[in-house]
Structure formats: C-alpha cells, structure tokens
Amino acid sequence: MTVLALIGAQGLYLLFAWLLSAAIGAWLAERKGYGERVGLTFGLLLSVVGLLLVALLPGRPGSRWKVEGPIPKRRH
C-alpha cells in the first residue's frame, strides 16, 4: 500500500508542475506580445520544457516585456 501512496504523491507533484508551467508560460508569452495561447500550448504540450522555450522567446517590439521590462512594476 505504501508503494501506491508514493506513486500517487509523485503524480500529484507532476500534475502541479504541469499546470504551473502552463499558467506561467501563458503569462510570459502574453507579456512578450505573443498572446497567452502560445504559452498555454507550449506549457500544456511540453510541460516544463515548454516553459523554458517560452522564456527563451524574444519580446516583440512594443510588448509589455520590452516597454516595462521583464519584471512588472507593482501597482499601488
């Protein structure tokens, strides 16, 4: 029974990594000017590798990534 419990916990952690990579990839791609569908697709299909690919994409001219920088400013 312990072996099945370990597999279940590991599967849950992999699920969280998959979902977080999709969400962060969508956010990054939208900031870089590609639209969030691109990042979401990369994150869902390629998981953490897709997140790295989205992080390596160059920012488009006029995007929030180019205008505000990589880290967004806090709003008061």
PDB file of N, CA and C in Angstrom:
ATOM      1  N   MET A   1       0.807  -1.186   0.000  1.00  0.00           N
ATOM      2  CA  MET A   1       0.000   0.000   0.000  1.00  0.00           C
ATOM      3  C   MET A   1       0.867   1.273   0.000  1.00  0.00           C
ATOM      4  N   THR A   2       2.031   1.214   0.632  1.00  0.00           N
ATOM      5  CA  THR A   2       2.914   2.379   0.683  1.00  0.00           C
ATOM      6  C   THR A   2       3.418   2.739  -0.706  1.00  0.00           C
ATOM      7  N   VAL A   3       3.712   1.730  -1.530  1.00  0.00           N
ATOM      8  CA  VAL A   3       4.203   1.998  -2.885  1.00  0.00           C
ATOM      9  C   VAL A   3       3.151   2.751  -3.688  1.00  0.00           C
ATOM     10  N   LEU A   4       1.899   2.376  -3.580  1.00  0.00           N
ATOM     11  CA  LEU A   4       0.835   3.076  -4.299  1.00  0.00           C
ATOM     12  C   LEU A   4       0.668   4.498  -3.794  1.00  0.00           C
ATOM     13  N   ALA A   5       0.863   4.711  -2.504  1.00  0.00           N
ATOM     14  CA  ALA A   5       0.754   6.060  -1.948  1.00  0.00           C
ATOM     15  C   ALA A   5       1.881   6.939  -2.464  1.00  0.00           C
ATOM     16  N   LEU A   6       3.069   6.408  -2.614  1.00  0.00           N
ATOM     17  CA  LEU A   6       4.194   7.184  -3.137  1.00  0.00           C
ATOM     18  C   LEU A   6       3.989   7.550  -4.596  1.00  0.00           C
ATOM     19  N   ILE A   7       3.450   6.633  -5.371  1.00  0.00           N
ATOM     20  CA  ILE A   7       3.167   6.916  -6.777  1.00  0.00           C
ATOM     21  C   ILE A   7       2.098   8.004  -6.878  1.00  0.00           C
ATOM     22  N   GLY A   8       1.108   7.962  -5.999  1.00  0.00           N
ATOM     23  CA  GLY A   8       0.057   8.973  -6.012  1.00  0.00           C
ATOM     24  C   GLY A   8       0.574  10.359  -5.680  1.00  0.00           C
ATOM     25  N   ALA A   9       1.471  10.450  -4.698  1.00  0.00           N
ATOM     26  CA  ALA A   9       2.034  11.750  -4.329  1.00  0.00           C
ATOM     27  C   ALA A   9       2.916  12.283  -5.455  1.00  0.00           C
ATOM     28  N   GLN A  10       3.689  11.416  -6.056  1.00  0.00           N
ATOM     29  CA  GLN A  10       4.549  11.839  -7.155  1.00  0.00           C
ATOM     30  C   GLN A  10       3.710  12.299  -8.347  1.00  0.00           C
ATOM     31  N   GLY A  11       2.633  11.606  -8.611  1.00  0.00           N
ATOM     32  CA  GLY A  11       1.740  12.014  -9.696  1.00  0.00           C
ATOM     33  C   GLY A  11       1.111  13.373  -9.423  1.00  0.00           C
ATOM     34  N   LEU A  12       0.784  13.638  -8.171  1.00  0.00           N
ATOM     35  CA  LEU A  12       0.219  14.936  -7.802  1.00  0.00           C
ATOM     36  C   LEU A  12       1.239  16.045  -8.010  1.00  0.00           C
ATOM     37  N   TYR A  13       2.487  15.802  -7.622  1.00  0.00           N
ATOM     38  CA  TYR A  13       3.532  16.807  -7.832  1.00  0.00           C
ATOM     39  C   TYR A  13       3.764  17.058  -9.318  1.00  0.00           C
ATOM     40  N   LEU A  14       3.737  16.009 -10.125  1.00  0.00           N
ATOM     41  CA  LEU A  14       3.893  16.188 -11.569  1.00  0.00           C
ATOM     42  C   LEU A  14       2.716  16.949 -12.168  1.00  0.00           C
ATOM     43  N   LEU A  15       1.519  16.722 -11.648  1.00  0.00           N
ATOM     44  CA  LEU A  15       0.347  17.460 -12.098  1.00  0.00           C
ATOM     45  C   LEU A  15       0.483  18.941 -11.777  1.00  0.00           C
ATOM     46  N   PHE A  16       0.950  19.255 -10.563  1.00  0.00           N
ATOM     47  CA  PHE A  16       1.159  20.656 -10.188  1.00  0.00           C
ATOM     48  C   PHE A  16       2.211  21.314 -11.072  1.00  0.00           C
ATOM     49  N   ALA A  17       3.301  20.614 -11.364  1.00  0.00           N
ATOM     50  CA  ALA A  17       4.345  21.159 -12.236  1.00  0.00           C
ATOM     51  C   ALA A  17       3.798  21.413 -13.633  1.00  0.00           C
ATOM     52  N   TRP A  18       2.973  20.502 -14.137  1.00  0.00           N
ATOM     53  CA  TRP A  18       2.381  20.649 -15.467  1.00  0.00           C
ATOM     54  C   TRP A  18       1.461  21.864 -15.523  1.00  0.00           C
ATOM     55  N   LEU A  19       0.597  22.007 -14.519  1.00  0.00           N
ATOM     56  CA  LEU A  19      -0.339  23.128 -14.507  1.00  0.00           C
ATOM     57  C   LEU A  19       0.370  24.460 -14.290  1.00  0.00           C
ATOM     58  N   LEU A  20       1.354  24.497 -13.408  1.00  0.00           N
ATOM     59  CA  LEU A  20       2.097  25.740 -13.177  1.00  0.00           C
ATOM     60  C   LEU A  20       2.894  26.152 -14.411  1.00  0.00           C
ATOM     61  N   SER A  21       3.486  25.193 -15.117  1.00  0.00           N
ATOM     62  CA  SER A  21       4.237  25.541 -16.319  1.00  0.00           C
ATOM     63  C   SER A  21       3.310  26.103 -17.387  1.00  0.00           C
ATOM     64  N   ALA A  22       2.090  25.591 -17.481  1.00  0.00           N
ATOM     65  CA  ALA A  22       1.133  26.128 -18.446  1.00  0.00           C
ATOM     66  C   ALA A  22       0.705  27.541 -18.065  1.00  0.00           C
ATOM     67  N   ALA A  23       0.431  27.776 -16.795  1.00  0.00           N
ATOM     68  CA  ALA A  23      -0.015  29.100 -16.350  1.00  0.00           C
ATOM     69  C   ALA A  23       1.099  30.138 -16.476  1.00  0.00           C
ATOM     70  N   ILE A  24       2.297  29.796 -16.057  1.00  0.00           N
ATOM     71  CA  ILE A  24       3.420  30.735 -16.143  1.00  0.00           C
ATOM     72  C   ILE A  24       3.803  30.972 -17.601  1.00  0.00           C
ATOM     73  N   GLY A  25       3.752  29.925 -18.419  1.00  0.00           N
ATOM     74  CA  GLY A  25       4.045  30.080 -19.848  1.00  0.00           C
ATOM     75  C   GLY A  25       3.055  31.002 -20.528  1.00  0.00           C
ATOM     76  N   ALA A  26       1.772  30.902 -20.177  1.00  0.00           N
ATOM     77  CA  ALA A  26       0.755  31.784 -20.751  1.00  0.00           C
ATOM     78  C   ALA A  26       1.012  33.232 -20.326  1.00  0.00           C
ATOM     79  N   TRP A  27       1.357  33.438 -19.066  1.00  0.00           N
ATOM     80  CA  TRP A  27       1.630  34.789 -18.569  1.00  0.00           C
ATOM     81  C   TRP A  27       2.854  35.395 -19.256  1.00  0.00           C
ATOM     82  N   LEU A  28       3.926  34.599 -19.386  1.00  0.00           N
ATOM     83  CA  LEU A  28       5.142  35.092 -20.035  1.00  0.00           C
ATOM     84  C   LEU A  28       4.913  35.408 -21.507  1.00  0.00           C
ATOM     85  N   ALA A  29       4.242  34.524 -22.218  1.00  0.00           N
ATOM     86  CA  ALA A  29       4.006  34.745 -23.644  1.00  0.00           C
ATOM     87  C   ALA A  29       3.129  35.972 -23.873  1.00  0.00           C
ATOM     88  N   GLU A  30       2.154  36.180 -23.001  1.00  0.00           N
ATOM     89  CA  GLU A  30       1.298  37.366 -23.143  1.00  0.00           C
ATOM     90  C   GLU A  30       2.101  38.645 -22.891  1.00  0.00           C
ATOM     91  N   ARG A  31       2.996  38.637 -21.915  1.00  0.00           N
ATOM     92  CA  ARG A  31       3.846  39.804 -21.646  1.00  0.00           C
ATOM     93  C   ARG A  31       4.816  40.062 -22.787  1.00  0.00           C
ATOM     94  N   LYS A  32       5.256  39.007 -23.459  1.00  0.00           N
ATOM     95  CA  LYS A  32       6.202  39.164 -24.556  1.00  0.00           C
ATOM     96  C   LYS A  32       5.533  39.524 -25.870  1.00  0.00           C
ATOM     97  N   GLY A  33       4.206  39.568 -25.895  1.00  0.00           N
ATOM     98  CA  GLY A  33       3.493  40.017 -27.077  1.00  0.00           C
ATOM     99  C   GLY A  33       3.033  38.915 -28.006  1.00  0.00           C
ATOM    100  N   TYR A  34       3.059  37.669 -27.604  1.00  0.00           N
ATOM    101  CA  TYR A  34       2.658  36.558 -28.461  1.00  0.00           C
ATOM    102  C   TYR A  34       1.229  36.095 -28.202  1.00  0.00           C
ATOM    103  N   GLY A  35       0.615  36.543 -27.141  1.00  0.00           N
ATOM    104  CA  GLY A  35      -0.709  36.061 -26.771  1.00  0.00           C
ATOM    105  C   GLY A  35      -0.585  34.874 -25.842  1.00  0.00           C
ATOM    106  N   GLU A  36      -1.549  34.744 -24.954  1.00  0.00           N
ATOM    107  CA  GLU A  36      -1.395  33.691 -23.954  1.00  0.00           C
ATOM    108  C   GLU A  36      -1.636  32.294 -24.497  1.00  0.00           C
ATOM    109  N   ARG A  37      -2.275  32.166 -25.641  1.00  0.00           N
ATOM    110  CA  ARG A  37      -2.498  30.826 -26.212  1.00  0.00           C
ATOM    111  C   ARG A  37      -1.198  30.140 -26.576  1.00  0.00           C
ATOM    112  N   VAL A  38      -0.214  30.902 -27.034  1.00  0.00           N
ATOM    113  CA  VAL A  38       1.079  30.320 -27.397  1.00  0.00           C
ATOM    114  C   VAL A  38       1.740  29.714 -26.163  1.00  0.00           C
ATOM    115  N   GLY A  39       1.798  30.483 -25.085  1.00  0.00           N
ATOM    116  CA  GLY A  39       2.416  29.985 -23.865  1.00  0.00           C
ATOM    117  C   GLY A  39       1.644  28.849 -23.245  1.00  0.00           C
ATOM    118  N   LEU A  40       0.327  28.927 -23.306  1.00  0.00           N
ATOM    119  CA  LEU A  40      -0.500  27.861 -22.759  1.00  0.00           C
ATOM    120  C   LEU A  40      -0.287  26.572 -23.544  1.00  0.00           C
ATOM    121  N   THR A  41      -0.197  26.674 -24.855  1.00  0.00           N
ATOM    122  CA  THR A  41       0.032  25.495 -25.694  1.00  0.00           C
ATOM    123  C   THR A  41       1.393  24.872 -25.400  1.00  0.00           C
ATOM    124  N   PHE A  42       2.429  25.705 -25.357  1.00  0.00           N
ATOM    125  CA  PHE A  42       3.759  25.185 -25.036  1.00  0.00           C
ATOM    126  C   PHE A  42       3.772  24.542 -23.659  1.00  0.00           C
ATOM    127  N   GLY A  43       3.165  25.193 -22.671  1.00  0.00           N
ATOM    128  CA  GLY A  43       3.165  24.667 -21.314  1.00  0.00           C
ATOM    129  C   GLY A  43       2.386  23.379 -21.173  1.00  0.00           C
ATOM    130  N   LEU A  44       1.262  23.272 -21.869  1.00  0.00           N
ATOM    131  CA  LEU A  44       0.445  22.053 -21.753  1.00  0.00           C
ATOM    132  C   LEU A  44       1.042  20.886 -22.532  1.00  0.00           C
ATOM    133  N   LEU A  45       1.586  21.156 -23.702  1.00  0.00           N
ATOM    134  CA  LEU A  45       2.101  20.064 -24.526  1.00  0.00           C
ATOM    135  C   LEU A  45       3.511  19.627 -24.138  1.00  0.00           C
ATOM    136  N   LEU A  46       4.333  20.575 -23.714  1.00  0.00           N
ATOM    137  CA  LEU A  46       5.735  20.238 -23.435  1.00  0.00           C
ATOM    138  C   LEU A  46       6.109  20.380 -21.967  1.00  0.00           C
ATOM    139  N   SER A  47       5.163  20.747 -21.129  1.00  0.00           N
ATOM    140  CA  SER A  47       5.352  20.882 -19.683  1.00  0.00           C
ATOM    141  C   SER A  47       6.489  21.848 -19.359  1.00  0.00           C
ATOM    142  N   VAL A  48       7.431  21.454 -18.527  1.00  0.00           N
ATOM    143  CA  VAL A  48       8.474  22.364 -18.057  1.00  0.00           C
ATOM    144  C   VAL A  48       9.399  22.774 -19.208  1.00  0.00           C
ATOM    145  N   VAL A  49       9.615  21.891 -20.167  1.00  0.00           N
ATOM    146  CA  VAL A  49      10.445  22.230 -21.335  1.00  0.00           C
ATOM    147  C   VAL A  49       9.770  23.345 -22.138  1.00  0.00           C
ATOM    148  N   GLY A  50       8.447  23.287 -22.258  1.00  0.00           N
ATOM    149  CA  GLY A  50       7.717  24.338 -22.955  1.00  0.00           C
ATOM    150  C   GLY A  50       7.836  25.671 -22.251  1.00  0.00           C
ATOM    151  N   LEU A  51       7.855  25.656 -20.930  1.00  0.00           N
ATOM    152  CA  LEU A  51       8.047  26.890 -20.164  1.00  0.00           C
ATOM    153  C   LEU A  51       9.416  27.484 -20.455  1.00  0.00           C
ATOM    154  N   LEU A  52      10.422  26.643 -20.548  1.00  0.00           N
ATOM    155  CA  LEU A  52      11.758  27.136 -20.883  1.00  0.00           C
ATOM    156  C   LEU A  52      11.801  27.712 -22.296  1.00  0.00           C
ATOM    157  N   LEU A  53      11.085  27.091 -23.236  1.00  0.00           N
ATOM    158  CA  LEU A  53      11.039  27.625 -24.598  1.00  0.00           C
ATOM    159  C   LEU A  53      10.360  28.992 -24.641  1.00  0.00           C
ATOM    160  N   VAL A  54       9.291  29.152 -23.891  1.00  0.00           N
ATOM    161  CA  VAL A  54       8.600  30.443 -23.846  1.00  0.00           C
ATOM    162  C   VAL A  54       9.506  31.491 -23.203  1.00  0.00           C
ATOM    163  N   ALA A  55      10.274  31.092 -22.202  1.00  0.00           N
ATOM    164  CA  ALA A  55      11.185  32.035 -21.553  1.00  0.00           C
ATOM    165  C   ALA A  55      12.287  32.480 -22.511  1.00  0.00           C
ATOM    166  N   LEU A  56      12.651  31.642 -23.471  1.00  0.00           N
ATOM    167  CA  LEU A  56      13.700  31.989 -24.429  1.00  0.00           C
ATOM    168  C   LEU A  56      13.189  32.796 -25.621  1.00  0.00           C
ATOM    169  N   LEU A  57      11.871  32.877 -25.797  1.00  0.00           N
ATOM    170  CA  LEU A  57      11.330  33.668 -26.905  1.00  0.00           C
ATOM    171  C   LEU A  57      11.686  35.142 -26.719  1.00  0.00           C
ATOM    172  N   PRO A  58      12.084  35.814 -27.796  1.00  0.00           N
ATOM    173  CA  PRO A  58      12.362  37.251 -27.659  1.00  0.00           C
ATOM    174  C   PRO A  58      11.061  38.041 -27.569  1.00  0.00           C
ATOM    175  N   GLY A  59      11.109  39.145 -26.864  1.00  0.00           N
ATOM    176  CA  GLY A  59       9.937  40.004 -26.752  1.00  0.00           C
ATOM    177  C   GLY A  59       9.695  40.768 -28.052  1.00  0.00           C
ATOM    178  N   ARG A  60       8.445  40.894 -28.433  1.00  0.00           N
ATOM    179  CA  ARG A  60       8.108  41.643 -29.644  1.00  0.00           C
ATOM    180  C   ARG A  60       8.217  43.139 -29.370  1.00  0.00           C
ATOM    181  N   PRO A  61       8.500  43.925 -30.411  1.00  0.00           N
ATOM    182  CA  PRO A  61       8.559  45.379 -30.212  1.00  0.00           C
ATOM    183  C   PRO A  61       7.207  45.914 -29.746  1.00  0.00           C
ATOM    184  N   GLY A  62       7.237  46.768 -28.748  1.00  0.00           N
ATOM    185  CA  GLY A  62       6.023  47.370 -28.220  1.00  0.00           C
ATOM    186  C   GLY A  62       5.307  46.522 -27.185  1.00  0.00           C
ATOM    187  N   SER A  63       5.826  45.342 -26.884  1.00  0.00           N
ATOM    188  CA  SER A  63       5.175  44.492 -25.885  1.00  0.00           C
ATOM    189  C   SER A  63       5.499  45.015 -24.488  1.00  0.00           C
ATOM    190  N   ARG A  64       4.733  44.550 -23.521  1.00  0.00           N
ATOM    191  CA  ARG A  64       4.981  44.962 -22.136  1.00  0.00           C
ATOM    192  C   ARG A  64       6.348  44.495 -21.659  1.00  0.00           C
ATOM    193  N   TRP A  65       6.842  43.406 -22.218  1.00  0.00           N
ATOM    194  CA  TRP A  65       8.173  42.904 -21.869  1.00  0.00           C
ATOM    195  C   TRP A  65       9.238  43.920 -22.267  1.00  0.00           C
ATOM    196  N   LYS A  66       9.076  44.516 -23.460  1.00  0.00           N
ATOM    197  CA  LYS A  66      10.049  45.500 -23.945  1.00  0.00           C
ATOM    198  C   LYS A  66       9.863  46.867 -23.284  1.00  0.00           C
ATOM    199  N   VAL A  67       8.614  47.243 -23.042  1.00  0.00           N
ATOM    200  CA  VAL A  67       8.333  48.576 -22.507  1.00  0.00           C
ATOM    201  C   VAL A  67       8.616  48.657 -21.006  1.00  0.00           C
ATOM    202  N   GLU A  68       8.078  47.715 -20.237  1.00  0.00           N
ATOM    203  CA  GLU A  68       8.194  47.760 -18.784  1.00  0.00           C
ATOM    204  C   GLU A  68       9.375  46.966 -18.248  1.00  0.00           C
ATOM    205  N   GLY A  69       9.906  46.059 -19.035  1.00  0.00           N
ATOM    206  CA  GLY A  69      10.995  45.195 -18.574  1.00  0.00           C
ATOM    207  C   GLY A  69      10.463  43.827 -18.191  1.00  0.00           C
ATOM    208  N   PRO A  70      11.380  42.912 -17.870  1.00  0.00           N
ATOM    209  CA  PRO A  70      10.967  41.549 -17.563  1.00  0.00           C
ATOM    210  C   PRO A  70      10.130  41.414 -16.291  1.00  0.00           C
ATOM    211  N   ILE A  71      10.393  42.237 -15.313  1.00  0.00           N
ATOM    212  CA  ILE A  71       9.671  42.163 -14.051  1.00  0.00           C
ATOM    213  C   ILE A  71       8.653  43.306 -14.010  1.00  0.00           C
ATOM    214  N   PRO A  72       7.363  43.000 -13.894  1.00  0.00           N
ATOM    215  CA  PRO A  72       6.371  44.072 -13.880  1.00  0.00           C
ATOM    216  C   PRO A  72       6.463  44.904 -12.609  1.00  0.00           C
ATOM    217  N   LYS A  73       6.130  46.184 -12.754  1.00  0.00           N
ATOM    218  CA  LYS A  73       6.156  47.067 -11.598  1.00  0.00           C
ATOM    219  C   LYS A  73       4.895  46.879 -10.781  1.00  0.00           C
ATOM    220  N   ARG A  74       5.042  47.033  -9.471  1.00  0.00           N
ATOM    221  CA  ARG A  74       3.883  46.893  -8.581  1.00  0.00           C
ATOM    222  C   ARG A  74       3.002  48.114  -8.691  1.00  0.00           C
ATOM    223  N   ARG A  75       1.716  47.869  -8.680  1.00  0.00           N
ATOM    224  CA  ARG A  75       0.753  48.958  -8.735  1.00  0.00           C
ATOM    225  C   ARG A  75       0.295  49.283  -7.335  1.00  0.00           C
ATOM    226  N   HIS A  76       0.190  50.555  -7.032  1.00  0.00           N
ATOM    227  CA  HIS A  76      -0.214  50.965  -5.676  1.00  0.00           C
ATOM    228  C   HIS A  76      -1.688  51.219  -5.614  1.00  0.00           C
TER     229      HIS A  76
END
